[in-house]
C-alpha atoms as a PDB file:
ATOM      1  CA  MET A   1     -51.518 -21.410  14.739  1.00  0.00           C
ATOM      2  CA  SER A   2     -54.284 -19.173  15.864  1.00  0.00           C
ATOM      3  CA  ASN A   3     -56.968 -17.796  13.571  1.00  0.00           C
ATOM      4  CA  THR A   4     -56.857 -14.107  13.846  1.00  0.00           C
ATOM      5  CA  GLN A   5     -59.073 -11.466  12.236  1.00  0.00           C
ATOM      6  CA  THR A   6     -57.595  -8.891   9.916  1.00  0.00           C
ATOM      7  CA  ILE A   7     -58.840  -5.438   8.734  1.00  0.00           C
ATOM      8  CA  GLY A   8     -57.401  -2.989   6.303  1.00  0.00           C
ATOM      9  CA  PHE A   9     -57.009   0.675   7.043  1.00  0.00           C
ATOM     10  CA  SER A  10     -55.937   3.963   5.383  1.00  0.00           C
ATOM     11  CA  TYR A  11     -54.864   6.747   7.711  1.00  0.00           C
ATOM     12  CA  LYS A  12     -54.338  10.404   6.558  1.00  0.00           C
ATOM     13  CA  VAL A  13     -51.192  11.669   8.291  1.00  0.00           C
ATOM     14  CA  GLU A  14     -52.180  15.380   9.063  1.00  0.00           C
ATOM     15  CA  ASN A  15     -49.628  18.081   8.189  1.00  0.00           C
ATOM     16  CA  VAL A  16     -47.317  15.835   6.112  1.00  0.00           C
ATOM     17  CA  LEU A  17     -47.371  17.188   2.715  1.00  0.00           C
ATOM     18  CA  MET A  18     -44.970  16.882  -0.263  1.00  0.00           C
ATOM     19  CA  GLN A  19     -42.937  20.009  -1.029  1.00  0.00           C
ATOM     20  CA  THR A  20     -40.922  20.493  -4.273  1.00  0.00           C
ATOM     21  CA  VAL A  21     -37.162  20.740  -3.847  1.00  0.00           C
ATOM     22  CA  ASN A  22     -36.300  20.715  -7.546  1.00  0.00           C
ATOM     23  CA  ASP A  23     -37.552  18.962 -10.808  1.00  0.00           C
ATOM     24  CA  ASP A  24     -36.243  15.548  -9.543  1.00  0.00           C
ATOM     25  CA  LEU A  25     -36.990  15.780  -5.738  1.00  0.00           C
ATOM     26  CA  ARG A  26     -39.938  16.339  -3.478  1.00  0.00           C
ATOM     27  CA  ILE A  27     -39.858  15.844   0.247  1.00  0.00           C
ATOM     28  CA  THR A  28     -41.974  16.047   3.339  1.00  0.00           C
ATOM     29  CA  GLY A  29     -41.231  17.920   6.564  1.00  0.00           C
ATOM     30  CA  SER A  30     -39.913  15.758   9.245  1.00  0.00           C
ATOM     31  CA  PHE A  31     -42.307  13.788  11.386  1.00  0.00           C
ATOM     32  CA  ALA A  32     -42.013  11.046  14.103  1.00  0.00           C
ATOM     33  CA  SER A  33     -43.216   7.826  12.452  1.00  0.00           C
ATOM     34  CA  ARG A  34     -43.487   6.108  15.878  1.00  0.00           C
ATOM     35  CA  ASP A  35     -45.981   8.869  17.085  1.00  0.00           C
ATOM     36  CA  VAL A  36     -48.078   8.255  13.910  1.00  0.00           C
ATOM     37  CA  LEU A  37     -48.191   4.528  14.530  1.00  0.00           C
ATOM     38  CA  ASP A  38     -49.107   5.204  18.212  1.00  0.00           C
ATOM     39  CA  ARG A  39     -52.050   7.376  17.043  1.00  0.00           C
ATOM     40  CA  ILE A  40     -53.304   4.679  14.638  1.00  0.00           C
ATOM     41  CA  ASN A  41     -53.019   1.969  17.189  1.00  0.00           C
ATOM     42  CA  ALA A  42     -54.907   4.099  19.722  1.00  0.00           C
ATOM     43  CA  LEU A  43     -57.756   4.435  17.223  1.00  0.00           C
ATOM     44  CA  LEU A  44     -57.720   0.791  16.232  1.00  0.00           C
ATOM     45  CA  LYS A  45     -57.528  -0.399  19.859  1.00  0.00           C
ATOM     46  CA  GLU A  46     -61.195   0.744  20.286  1.00  0.00           C
ATOM     47  CA  LYS A  47     -62.019  -2.096  17.879  1.00  0.00           C
ATOM     48  CA  ASN A  48     -59.604  -4.463  19.477  1.00  0.00           C
ATOM     49  CA  PHE A  49     -57.131  -4.282  16.627  1.00  0.00           C
ATOM     50  CA  LYS A  50     -53.452  -3.266  16.246  1.00  0.00           C
ATOM     51  CA  VAL A  51     -51.201  -2.335  13.141  1.00  0.00           C
ATOM     52  CA  ASP A  52     -49.300  -5.171  11.547  1.00  0.00           C
ATOM     53  CA  GLU A  53     -46.182  -3.035  10.814  1.00  0.00           C
ATOM     54  CA  ARG A  54     -45.006  -5.550   8.231  1.00  0.00           C
ATOM     55  CA  THR A  55     -47.961  -4.401   6.012  1.00  0.00           C
ATOM     56  CA  LEU A  56     -47.449  -0.660   6.048  1.00  0.00           C
ATOM     57  CA  ARG A  57     -47.265   1.162   2.840  1.00  0.00           C
ATOM     58  CA  PRO A  58     -46.990   4.977   2.346  1.00  0.00           C
ATOM     59  CA  ARG A  59     -49.242   6.421  -0.373  1.00  0.00           C
ATOM     60  CA  TYR A  60     -49.543   9.994  -1.495  1.00  0.00           C
ATOM     61  CA  ILE A  61     -52.835  11.374  -2.770  1.00  0.00           C
ATOM     62  CA  GLY A  62     -52.083  14.663  -4.278  1.00  0.00           C
ATOM     63  CA  GLU A  63     -49.472  16.098  -1.862  1.00  0.00           C
ATOM     64  CA  GLN A  64     -50.948  14.387   1.281  1.00  0.00           C
ATOM     65  CA  LEU A  65     -49.370  11.318   2.882  1.00  0.00           C
ATOM     66  CA  TYR A  66     -51.574   8.341   3.928  1.00  0.00           C
ATOM     67  CA  LEU A  67     -50.374   5.236   5.526  1.00  0.00           C
ATOM     68  CA  GLU A  68     -52.192   2.132   4.502  1.00  0.00           C
ATOM     69  CA  GLY A  69     -51.958  -1.484   5.698  1.00  0.00           C
ATOM     70  CA  PHE A  70     -53.618  -4.166   7.691  1.00  0.00           C
ATOM     71  CA  ALA A  71     -54.391  -4.463  11.394  1.00  0.00           C
ATOM     72  CA  ILE A  72     -54.737  -7.685  13.298  1.00  0.00           C
ATOM     73  CA  GLU A  73     -56.966  -8.581  16.066  1.00  0.00           C
ATOM     74  CA  ILE A  74     -55.473  -8.301  19.588  1.00  0.00           C
ATOM     75  CA  GLN A  75     -55.513 -11.503  21.263  1.00  0.00           C
ATOM     76  CA  GLU A  76     -55.078 -12.027  24.969  1.00  0.00           C
ATOM     77  CA  PRO A  77     -52.083 -14.300  25.781  1.00  0.00           C
ATOM     78  CA  LYS A  78     -53.068 -17.735  26.711  1.00  0.00           C
ATOM     79  CA  THR A  79     -51.801 -18.777  30.124  1.00  0.00           C
ATOM     80  CA  VAL A  80     -51.133 -22.240  31.229  1.00  0.00           C
ATOM     81  CA  GLY A  81     -51.667 -23.017  34.806  1.00  0.00           C
ATOM     82  CA  PHE A  82     -51.211 -26.015  36.861  1.00  0.00           C
ATOM     83  CA  LEU A  83     -53.388 -27.071  39.814  1.00  0.00           C
ATOM     84  CA  SER A  84     -52.213 -29.247  42.478  1.00  0.00           C
ATOM     85  CA  GLY A  85     -54.564 -31.620  44.008  1.00  0.00           C
ATOM     86  CA  ARG A  86     -52.334 -31.851  47.222  1.00  0.00           C
ATOM     87  CA  GLU A  87     -53.925 -31.158  50.521  1.00  0.00           C
ATOM     88  CA  SER A  88     -51.832 -29.675  53.292  1.00  0.00           C
END
């Protein structure tokens, strides 16, 4: 098992606000969650990290949506190569 680095993040999802429908229900407008994750990953990639989607948690501060979670270090896949000592 590899030893990967982890960081935490909190991302403010612009223009996604809670709106009251009635006393029992508040909703947001529709948004594409994959687009939001792609934006977060683009920002984290600069630091060589990517979102660990298993850790995502929505959080509302006031009416504003934030996504919080952890990001893991991007590790290059290890390749195994075989060199042949044969001569032609």
